[in-house]
Amino acid sequence: MSTDWPIVVQDVPGKGKGVIATRPITAGELVLLEAPLFTLPSEYDNSAVLAKLVALTGNNFWEDTLHKISFRALKDVAEGEELCICYTEPSCT
């Protein structure tokens, strides 16, 4: 898997830090794949808990076989555009 991610964290005027596209990103494309910050003891089902957490947003999913959370673009993103996570409805633009 390539480690050449299509995003960079940089200063956004008037906002602080932001995630910016370094190249055009197509809808559905993988933007970020990372391990969770924490996991639960084995008597709990991590997949079920993380599925509930990621259900709050429409653009990230628990990849059970990789044990990582994936973030995918919901729409085409232009180079230089700021990426955001939608915490309300999967159809956020």
PDB file of N, CA and C in Angstrom:
ATOM      1  N   MET A   1       0.841  -1.183   0.000  1.00  0.00           N
ATOM      2  CA  MET A   1       0.000   0.000   0.000  1.00  0.00           C
ATOM      3  C   MET A   1       0.881   1.240   0.000  1.00  0.00           C
ATOM      4  N   SER A   2       0.524   2.204  -0.798  1.00  0.00           N
ATOM      5  CA  SER A   2       1.282   3.444  -0.860  1.00  0.00           C
ATOM      6  C   SER A   2       1.094   4.257   0.417  1.00  0.00           C
ATOM      7  N   THR A   3       2.141   4.941   0.837  1.00  0.00           N
ATOM      8  CA  THR A   3       2.031   5.836   1.988  1.00  0.00           C
ATOM      9  C   THR A   3       1.955   7.278   1.525  1.00  0.00           C
ATOM     10  N   ASP A   4       1.732   7.491   0.239  1.00  0.00           N
ATOM     11  CA  ASP A   4       1.626   8.828  -0.337  1.00  0.00           C
ATOM     12  C   ASP A   4       0.176   9.298  -0.223  1.00  0.00           C
ATOM     13  N   TRP A   5      -0.209   9.781   0.967  1.00  0.00           N
ATOM     14  CA  TRP A   5      -1.585  10.178   1.215  1.00  0.00           C
ATOM     15  C   TRP A   5      -1.911  11.470   0.466  1.00  0.00           C
ATOM     16  N   PRO A   6      -3.167  11.637   0.061  1.00  0.00           N
ATOM     17  CA  PRO A   6      -3.561  12.809  -0.720  1.00  0.00           C
ATOM     18  C   PRO A   6      -3.893  14.034   0.134  1.00  0.00           C
ATOM     19  N   ILE A   7      -3.430  14.043   1.375  1.00  0.00           N
ATOM     20  CA  ILE A   7      -3.761  15.137   2.296  1.00  0.00           C
ATOM     21  C   ILE A   7      -2.524  15.594   3.052  1.00  0.00           C
ATOM     22  N   VAL A   8      -2.618  16.802   3.598  1.00  0.00           N
ATOM     23  CA  VAL A   8      -1.573  17.345   4.449  1.00  0.00           C
ATOM     24  C   VAL A   8      -2.261  18.192   5.521  1.00  0.00           C
ATOM     25  N   VAL A   9      -1.698  18.210   6.728  1.00  0.00           N
ATOM     26  CA  VAL A   9      -2.198  19.088   7.783  1.00  0.00           C
ATOM     27  C   VAL A   9      -1.388  20.378   7.713  1.00  0.00           C
ATOM     28  N   GLN A  10      -2.092  21.488   7.624  1.00  0.00           N
ATOM     29  CA  GLN A  10      -1.400  22.774   7.531  1.00  0.00           C
ATOM     30  C   GLN A  10      -2.262  23.867   8.150  1.00  0.00           C
ATOM     31  N   ASP A  11      -1.675  25.046   8.334  1.00  0.00           N
ATOM     32  CA  ASP A  11      -2.410  26.190   8.866  1.00  0.00           C
ATOM     33  C   ASP A  11      -3.463  26.645   7.864  1.00  0.00           C
ATOM     34  N   VAL A  12      -4.665  26.922   8.387  1.00  0.00           N
ATOM     35  CA  VAL A  12      -5.751  27.472   7.582  1.00  0.00           C
ATOM     36  C   VAL A  12      -6.065  28.847   8.171  1.00  0.00           C
ATOM     37  N   PRO A  13      -5.901  29.910   7.397  1.00  0.00           N
ATOM     38  CA  PRO A  13      -6.109  31.258   7.916  1.00  0.00           C
ATOM     39  C   PRO A  13      -7.461  31.414   8.630  1.00  0.00           C
ATOM     40  N   GLY A  14      -7.389  31.912   9.863  1.00  0.00           N
ATOM     41  CA  GLY A  14      -8.596  32.153  10.646  1.00  0.00           C
ATOM     42  C   GLY A  14      -9.195  30.932  11.307  1.00  0.00           C
ATOM     43  N   LYS A  15      -8.604  29.743  11.079  1.00  0.00           N
ATOM     44  CA  LYS A  15      -9.174  28.509  11.626  1.00  0.00           C
ATOM     45  C   LYS A  15      -8.200  27.698  12.460  1.00  0.00           C
ATOM     46  N   GLY A  16      -6.914  27.887  12.300  1.00  0.00           N
ATOM     47  CA  GLY A  16      -5.935  27.019  12.970  1.00  0.00           C
ATOM     48  C   GLY A  16      -5.441  25.970  11.997  1.00  0.00           C
ATOM     49  N   LYS A  17      -5.319  24.724  12.459  1.00  0.00           N
ATOM     50  CA  LYS A  17      -4.867  23.626  11.597  1.00  0.00           C
ATOM     51  C   LYS A  17      -6.042  23.032  10.837  1.00  0.00           C
ATOM     52  N   GLY A  18      -5.767  22.579   9.626  1.00  0.00           N
ATOM     53  CA  GLY A  18      -6.791  21.932   8.813  1.00  0.00           C
ATOM     54  C   GLY A  18      -6.176  20.864   7.937  1.00  0.00           C
ATOM     55  N   VAL A  19      -7.017  20.011   7.393  1.00  0.00           N
ATOM     56  CA  VAL A  19      -6.587  18.953   6.482  1.00  0.00           C
ATOM     57  C   VAL A  19      -6.907  19.413   5.064  1.00  0.00           C
ATOM     58  N   ILE A  20      -5.867  19.501   4.240  1.00  0.00           N
ATOM     59  CA  ILE A  20      -5.992  20.049   2.890  1.00  0.00           C
ATOM     60  C   ILE A  20      -5.612  18.988   1.861  1.00  0.00           C
ATOM     61  N   ALA A  21      -6.380  18.925   0.773  1.00  0.00           N
ATOM     62  CA  ALA A  21      -6.081  17.988  -0.321  1.00  0.00           C
ATOM     63  C   ALA A  21      -4.832  18.453  -1.068  1.00  0.00           C
ATOM     64  N   THR A  22      -3.875  17.559  -1.262  1.00  0.00           N
ATOM     65  CA  THR A  22      -2.648  17.883  -1.990  1.00  0.00           C
ATOM     66  C   THR A  22      -2.785  17.601  -3.484  1.00  0.00           C
ATOM     67  N   ARG A  23      -3.899  16.979  -3.871  1.00  0.00           N
ATOM     68  CA  ARG A  23      -4.198  16.654  -5.262  1.00  0.00           C
ATOM     69  C   ARG A  23      -5.695  16.397  -5.346  1.00  0.00           C
ATOM     70  N   PRO A  24      -6.270  16.346  -6.526  1.00  0.00           N
ATOM     71  CA  PRO A  24      -7.695  16.010  -6.629  1.00  0.00           C
ATOM     72  C   PRO A  24      -7.976  14.630  -6.026  1.00  0.00           C
ATOM     73  N   ILE A  25      -9.078  14.520  -5.301  1.00  0.00           N
ATOM     74  CA  ILE A  25      -9.498  13.257  -4.677  1.00  0.00           C
ATOM     75  C   ILE A  25     -10.886  12.944  -5.219  1.00  0.00           C
ATOM     76  N   THR A  26     -11.096  11.719  -5.673  1.00  0.00           N
ATOM     77  CA  THR A  26     -12.398  11.341  -6.216  1.00  0.00           C
ATOM     78  C   THR A  26     -13.296  10.784  -5.112  1.00  0.00           C
ATOM     79  N   ALA A  27     -14.595  10.937  -5.309  1.00  0.00           N
ATOM     80  CA  ALA A  27     -15.571  10.424  -4.347  1.00  0.00           C
ATOM     81  C   ALA A  27     -15.334   8.929  -4.121  1.00  0.00           C
ATOM     82  N   GLY A  28     -15.306   8.519  -2.865  1.00  0.00           N
ATOM     83  CA  GLY A  28     -15.098   7.123  -2.516  1.00  0.00           C
ATOM     84  C   GLY A  28     -13.645   6.740  -2.309  1.00  0.00           C
ATOM     85  N   GLU A  29     -12.725   7.623  -2.708  1.00  0.00           N
ATOM     86  CA  GLU A  29     -11.300   7.320  -2.572  1.00  0.00           C
ATOM     87  C   GLU A  29     -10.872   7.315  -1.104  1.00  0.00           C
ATOM     88  N   LEU A  30      -9.974   6.395  -0.775  1.00  0.00           N
ATOM     89  CA  LEU A  30      -9.419   6.333   0.574  1.00  0.00           C
ATOM     90  C   LEU A  30      -8.569   7.574   0.819  1.00  0.00           C
ATOM     91  N   VAL A  31      -8.865   8.290   1.908  1.00  0.00           N
ATOM     92  CA  VAL A  31      -8.149   9.509   2.254  1.00  0.00           C
ATOM     93  C   VAL A  31      -7.181   9.248   3.397  1.00  0.00           C
ATOM     94  N   LEU A  32      -7.600   8.415   4.358  1.00  0.00           N
ATOM     95  CA  LEU A  32      -6.769   8.143   5.528  1.00  0.00           C
ATOM     96  C   LEU A  32      -7.128   6.777   6.088  1.00  0.00           C
ATOM     97  N   LEU A  33      -6.127   6.046   6.539  1.00  0.00           N
ATOM     98  CA  LEU A  33      -6.315   4.742   7.167  1.00  0.00           C
ATOM     99  C   LEU A  33      -5.433   4.730   8.400  1.00  0.00           C
ATOM    100  N   GLU A  34      -6.058   4.608   9.587  1.00  0.00           N
ATOM    101  CA  GLU A  34      -5.253   4.660  10.799  1.00  0.00           C
ATOM    102  C   GLU A  34      -5.809   3.747  11.874  1.00  0.00           C
ATOM    103  N   ALA A  35      -4.918   3.350  12.780  1.00  0.00           N
ATOM    104  CA  ALA A  35      -5.305   2.528  13.919  1.00  0.00           C
ATOM    105  C   ALA A  35      -6.054   3.397  14.931  1.00  0.00           C
ATOM    106  N   PRO A  36      -6.968   2.819  15.702  1.00  0.00           N
ATOM    107  CA  PRO A  36      -7.682   3.596  16.718  1.00  0.00           C
ATOM    108  C   PRO A  36      -6.740   4.033  17.839  1.00  0.00           C
ATOM    109  N   LEU A  37      -7.140   5.074  18.553  1.00  0.00           N
ATOM    110  CA  LEU A  37      -6.347   5.553  19.678  1.00  0.00           C
ATOM    111  C   LEU A  37      -6.380   4.598  20.855  1.00  0.00           C
ATOM    112  N   PHE A  38      -7.454   3.816  20.955  1.00  0.00           N
ATOM    113  CA  PHE A  38      -7.586   2.857  22.050  1.00  0.00           C
ATOM    114  C   PHE A  38      -8.395   1.664  21.576  1.00  0.00           C
ATOM    115  N   THR A  39      -8.268   0.559  22.279  1.00  0.00           N
ATOM    116  CA  THR A  39      -9.102  -0.616  22.048  1.00  0.00           C
ATOM    117  C   THR A  39      -9.640  -1.070  23.405  1.00  0.00           C
ATOM    118  N   LEU A  40     -10.635  -1.923  23.373  1.00  0.00           N
ATOM    119  CA  LEU A  40     -11.241  -2.425  24.603  1.00  0.00           C
ATOM    120  C   LEU A  40     -10.680  -3.789  24.949  1.00  0.00           C
ATOM    121  N   PRO A  41     -10.806  -4.182  26.226  1.00  0.00           N
ATOM    122  CA  PRO A  41     -10.383  -5.533  26.606  1.00  0.00           C
ATOM    123  C   PRO A  41     -11.114  -6.578  25.762  1.00  0.00           C
ATOM    124  N   SER A  42     -10.546  -7.752  25.667  1.00  0.00           N
ATOM    125  CA  SER A  42     -11.057  -8.777  24.755  1.00  0.00           C
ATOM    126  C   SER A  42     -12.475  -9.234  25.058  1.00  0.00           C
ATOM    127  N   GLU A  43     -12.984  -9.011  26.277  1.00  0.00           N
ATOM    128  CA  GLU A  43     -14.356  -9.448  26.559  1.00  0.00           C
ATOM    129  C   GLU A  43     -15.395  -8.561  25.861  1.00  0.00           C
ATOM    130  N   TYR A  44     -14.965  -7.424  25.310  1.00  0.00           N
ATOM    131  CA  TYR A  44     -15.840  -6.569  24.538  1.00  0.00           C
ATOM    132  C   TYR A  44     -15.553  -6.769  23.052  1.00  0.00           C
ATOM    133  N   ASP A  45     -16.538  -6.482  22.252  1.00  0.00           N
ATOM    134  CA  ASP A  45     -16.395  -6.603  20.806  1.00  0.00           C
ATOM    135  C   ASP A  45     -16.011  -5.241  20.235  1.00  0.00           C
ATOM    136  N   ASN A  46     -14.721  -5.055  19.914  1.00  0.00           N
ATOM    137  CA  ASN A  46     -14.245  -3.774  19.383  1.00  0.00           C
ATOM    138  C   ASN A  46     -15.014  -3.359  18.131  1.00  0.00           C
ATOM    139  N   SER A  47     -15.312  -4.312  17.280  1.00  0.00           N
ATOM    140  CA  SER A  47     -15.999  -3.982  16.028  1.00  0.00           C
ATOM    141  C   SER A  47     -17.358  -3.354  16.288  1.00  0.00           C
ATOM    142  N   ALA A  48     -18.106  -3.894  17.235  1.00  0.00           N
ATOM    143  CA  ALA A  48     -19.433  -3.368  17.536  1.00  0.00           C
ATOM    144  C   ALA A  48     -19.356  -1.964  18.119  1.00  0.00           C
ATOM    145  N   VAL A  49     -18.413  -1.754  19.037  1.00  0.00           N
ATOM    146  CA  VAL A  49     -18.260  -0.436  19.657  1.00  0.00           C
ATOM    147  C   VAL A  49     -17.821   0.589  18.623  1.00  0.00           C
ATOM    148  N   LEU A  50     -16.815   0.250  17.826  1.00  0.00           N
ATOM    149  CA  LEU A  50     -16.328   1.189  16.819  1.00  0.00           C
ATOM    150  C   LEU A  50     -17.364   1.432  15.728  1.00  0.00           C
ATOM    151  N   ALA A  51     -18.174   0.437  15.431  1.00  0.00           N
ATOM    152  CA  ALA A  51     -19.238   0.636  14.445  1.00  0.00           C
ATOM    153  C   ALA A  51     -20.217   1.692  14.935  1.00  0.00           C
ATOM    154  N   LYS A  52     -20.520   1.685  16.225  1.00  0.00           N
ATOM    155  CA  LYS A  52     -21.399   2.707  16.799  1.00  0.00           C
ATOM    156  C   LYS A  52     -20.746   4.083  16.723  1.00  0.00           C
ATOM    157  N   LEU A  53     -19.443   4.146  17.012  1.00  0.00           N
ATOM    158  CA  LEU A  53     -18.741   5.422  16.957  1.00  0.00           C
ATOM    159  C   LEU A  53     -18.698   5.980  15.543  1.00  0.00           C
ATOM    160  N   VAL A  54     -18.359   5.145  14.581  1.00  0.00           N
ATOM    161  CA  VAL A  54     -18.255   5.642  13.212  1.00  0.00           C
ATOM    162  C   VAL A  54     -19.617   5.887  12.584  1.00  0.00           C
ATOM    163  N   ALA A  55     -20.683   5.350  13.190  1.00  0.00           N
ATOM    164  CA  ALA A  55     -22.031   5.612  12.688  1.00  0.00           C
ATOM    165  C   ALA A  55     -22.393   7.086  12.834  1.00  0.00           C
ATOM    166  N   LEU A  56     -21.648   7.805  13.670  1.00  0.00           N
ATOM    167  CA  LEU A  56     -21.895   9.234  13.841  1.00  0.00           C
ATOM    168  C   LEU A  56     -21.500  10.018  12.596  1.00  0.00           C
ATOM    169  N   THR A  57     -20.664   9.459  11.775  1.00  0.00           N
ATOM    170  CA  THR A  57     -20.245  10.131  10.551  1.00  0.00           C
ATOM    171  C   THR A  57     -20.458   9.203   9.375  1.00  0.00           C
ATOM    172  N   GLY A  58     -20.555   9.770   8.199  1.00  0.00           N
ATOM    173  CA  GLY A  58     -20.815   8.952   7.023  1.00  0.00           C
ATOM    174  C   GLY A  58     -19.598   8.629   6.192  1.00  0.00           C
ATOM    175  N   ASN A  59     -18.438   9.109   6.590  1.00  0.00           N
ATOM    176  CA  ASN A  59     -17.280   8.941   5.716  1.00  0.00           C
ATOM    177  C   ASN A  59     -16.175   8.088   6.316  1.00  0.00           C
ATOM    178  N   ASN A  60     -16.435   7.435   7.440  1.00  0.00           N
ATOM    179  CA  ASN A  60     -15.400   6.559   7.967  1.00  0.00           C
ATOM    180  C   ASN A  60     -15.995   5.232   8.394  1.00  0.00           C
ATOM    181  N   PHE A  61     -15.175   4.189   8.305  1.00  0.00           N
ATOM    182  CA  PHE A  61     -15.650   2.841   8.551  1.00  0.00           C
ATOM    183  C   PHE A  61     -14.570   2.047   9.271  1.00  0.00           C
ATOM    184  N   TRP A  62     -14.980   1.125  10.125  1.00  0.00           N
ATOM    185  CA  TRP A  62     -14.049   0.227  10.790  1.00  0.00           C
ATOM    186  C   TRP A  62     -13.717  -0.908   9.824  1.00  0.00           C
ATOM    187  N   GLU A  63     -12.434  -1.038   9.508  1.00  0.00           N
ATOM    188  CA  GLU A  63     -11.954  -2.116   8.638  1.00  0.00           C
ATOM    189  C   GLU A  63     -11.539  -3.268   9.542  1.00  0.00           C
ATOM    190  N   ASP A  64     -12.452  -4.215   9.754  1.00  0.00           N
ATOM    191  CA  ASP A  64     -12.253  -5.282  10.734  1.00  0.00           C
ATOM    192  C   ASP A  64     -11.015  -6.131  10.450  1.00  0.00           C
ATOM    193  N   THR A  65     -10.753  -6.430   9.191  1.00  0.00           N
ATOM    194  CA  THR A  65      -9.599  -7.280   8.878  1.00  0.00           C
ATOM    195  C   THR A  65      -8.275  -6.557   9.100  1.00  0.00           C
ATOM    196  N   LEU A  66      -8.279  -5.228   8.991  1.00  0.00           N
ATOM    197  CA  LEU A  66      -7.055  -4.436   9.184  1.00  0.00           C
ATOM    198  C   LEU A  66      -6.934  -3.877  10.594  1.00  0.00           C
ATOM    199  N   HIS A  67      -8.058  -3.890  11.332  1.00  0.00           N
ATOM    200  CA  HIS A  67      -8.126  -3.280  12.667  1.00  0.00           C
ATOM    201  C   HIS A  67      -7.757  -1.801  12.593  1.00  0.00           C
ATOM    202  N   LYS A  68      -8.319  -1.135  11.593  1.00  0.00           N
ATOM    203  CA  LYS A  68      -8.067   0.286  11.386  1.00  0.00           C
ATOM    204  C   LYS A  68      -9.354   0.974  10.955  1.00  0.00           C
ATOM    205  N   ILE A  69      -9.370   2.282  11.114  1.00  0.00           N
ATOM    206  CA  ILE A  69     -10.495   3.090  10.663  1.00  0.00           C
ATOM    207  C   ILE A  69     -10.101   3.731   9.337  1.00  0.00           C
ATOM    208  N   SER A  70     -10.988   3.611   8.357  1.00  0.00           N
ATOM    209  CA  SER A  70     -10.715   4.225   7.060  1.00  0.00           C
ATOM    210  C   SER A  70     -11.633   5.424   6.869  1.00  0.00           C
ATOM    211  N   PHE A  71     -11.086   6.463   6.259  1.00  0.00           N
ATOM    212  CA  PHE A  71     -11.837   7.667   5.931  1.00  0.00           C
ATOM    213  C   PHE A  71     -11.831   7.797   4.414  1.00  0.00           C
ATOM    214  N   ARG A  72     -13.015   7.941   3.834  1.00  0.00           N
ATOM    215  CA  ARG A  72     -13.149   8.051   2.386  1.00  0.00           C
ATOM    216  C   ARG A  72     -13.883   9.336   2.030  1.00  0.00           C
ATOM    217  N   ALA A  73     -13.553   9.877   0.883  1.00  0.00           N
ATOM    218  CA  ALA A  73     -14.203  11.110   0.416  1.00  0.00           C
ATOM    219  C   ALA A  73     -15.642  10.814   0.024  1.00  0.00           C
ATOM    220  N   LEU A  74     -16.556  11.650   0.473  1.00  0.00           N
ATOM    221  CA  LEU A  74     -17.967  11.501   0.111  1.00  0.00           C
ATOM    222  C   LEU A  74     -18.282  12.160  -1.230  1.00  0.00           C
ATOM    223  N   LYS A  75     -17.406  13.080  -1.642  1.00  0.00           N
ATOM    224  CA  LYS A  75     -17.597  13.780  -2.914  1.00  0.00           C
ATOM    225  C   LYS A  75     -16.221  14.053  -3.503  1.00  0.00           C
ATOM    226  N   ASP A  76     -16.179  14.465  -4.747  1.00  0.00           N
ATOM    227  CA  ASP A  76     -14.910  14.863  -5.345  1.00  0.00           C
ATOM    228  C   ASP A  76     -14.361  16.075  -4.581  1.00  0.00           C
ATOM    229  N   VAL A  77     -13.060  16.072  -4.361  1.00  0.00           N
ATOM    230  CA  VAL A  77     -12.396  17.154  -3.623  1.00  0.00           C
ATOM    231  C   VAL A  77     -11.303  17.729  -4.517  1.00  0.00           C
ATOM    232  N   ALA A  78     -11.298  19.039  -4.657  1.00  0.00           N
ATOM    233  CA  ALA A  78     -10.295  19.702  -5.487  1.00  0.00           C
ATOM    234  C   ALA A  78      -8.978  19.858  -4.730  1.00  0.00           C
ATOM    235  N   GLU A  79      -7.885  19.894  -5.453  1.00  0.00           N
ATOM    236  CA  GLU A  79      -6.584  20.169  -4.848  1.00  0.00           C
ATOM    237  C   GLU A  79      -6.655  21.515  -4.118  1.00  0.00           C
ATOM    238  N   GLY A  80      -6.171  21.558  -2.882  1.00  0.00           N
ATOM    239  CA  GLY A  80      -6.187  22.780  -2.091  1.00  0.00           C
ATOM    240  C   GLY A  80      -7.432  22.955  -1.241  1.00  0.00           C
ATOM    241  N   GLU A  81      -8.453  22.115  -1.454  1.00  0.00           N
ATOM    242  CA  GLU A  81      -9.691  22.213  -0.693  1.00  0.00           C
ATOM    243  C   GLU A  81      -9.506  21.609   0.694  1.00  0.00           C
ATOM    244  N   GLU A  82     -10.151  22.217   1.698  1.00  0.00           N
ATOM    245  CA  GLU A  82     -10.101  21.681   3.059  1.00  0.00           C
ATOM    246  C   GLU A  82     -11.082  20.525   3.187  1.00  0.00           C
ATOM    247  N   LEU A  83     -10.644  19.445   3.847  1.00  0.00           N
ATOM    248  CA  LEU A  83     -11.510  18.305   4.096  1.00  0.00           C
ATOM    249  C   LEU A  83     -12.058  18.409   5.516  1.00  0.00           C
ATOM    250  N   CYS A  84     -13.308  18.028   5.685  1.00  0.00           N
ATOM    251  CA  CYS A  84     -13.961  18.087   6.992  1.00  0.00           C
ATOM    252  C   CYS A  84     -14.692  16.778   7.251  1.00  0.00           C
ATOM    253  N   ILE A  85     -14.896  16.479   8.524  1.00  0.00           N
ATOM    254  CA  ILE A  85     -15.701  15.322   8.912  1.00  0.00           C
ATOM    255  C   ILE A  85     -17.088  15.833   9.268  1.00  0.00           C
ATOM    256  N   CYS A  86     -18.103  15.190   8.742  1.00  0.00           N
ATOM    257  CA  CYS A  86     -19.479  15.549   9.016  1.00  0.00           C
ATOM    258  C   CYS A  86     -19.995  14.714  10.187  1.00  0.00           C
ATOM    259  N   TYR A  87     -20.446  15.368  11.242  1.00  0.00           N
ATOM    260  CA  TYR A  87     -20.914  14.659  12.428  1.00  0.00           C
ATOM    261  C   TYR A  87     -22.428  14.550  12.504  1.00  0.00           C
ATOM    262  N   THR A  88     -23.138  14.949  11.464  1.00  0.00           N
ATOM    263  CA  THR A  88     -24.595  14.928  11.552  1.00  0.00           C
ATOM    264  C   THR A  88     -25.221  13.950  10.562  1.00  0.00           C
ATOM    265  N   GLU A  89     -25.141  14.237   9.275  1.00  0.00           N
ATOM    266  CA  GLU A  89     -25.798  13.399   8.278  1.00  0.00           C
ATOM    267  C   GLU A  89     -24.777  12.928   7.235  1.00  0.00           C
ATOM    268  N   PRO A  90     -24.903  11.689   6.769  1.00  0.00           N
ATOM    269  CA  PRO A  90     -23.956  11.176   5.768  1.00  0.00           C
ATOM    270  C   PRO A  90     -23.921  11.986   4.477  1.00  0.00           C
ATOM    271  N   SER A  91     -24.939  12.794   4.213  1.00  0.00           N
ATOM    272  CA  SER A  91     -24.979  13.538   2.956  1.00  0.00           C
ATOM    273  C   SER A  91     -24.393  14.940   3.093  1.00  0.00           C
ATOM    274  N   CYS A  92     -23.632  15.217   4.147  1.00  0.00           N
ATOM    275  CA  CYS A  92     -23.018  16.543   4.327  1.00  0.00           C
ATOM    276  C   CYS A  92     -22.147  16.880   3.127  1.00  0.00           C
ATOM    277  N   THR A  93     -22.123  18.160   2.772  1.00  0.00           N
ATOM    278  CA  THR A  93     -21.257  18.600   1.673  1.00  0.00           C
ATOM    279  C   THR A  93     -20.325  19.697   2.138  1.00  0.00           C
TER     280      THR A  93
END
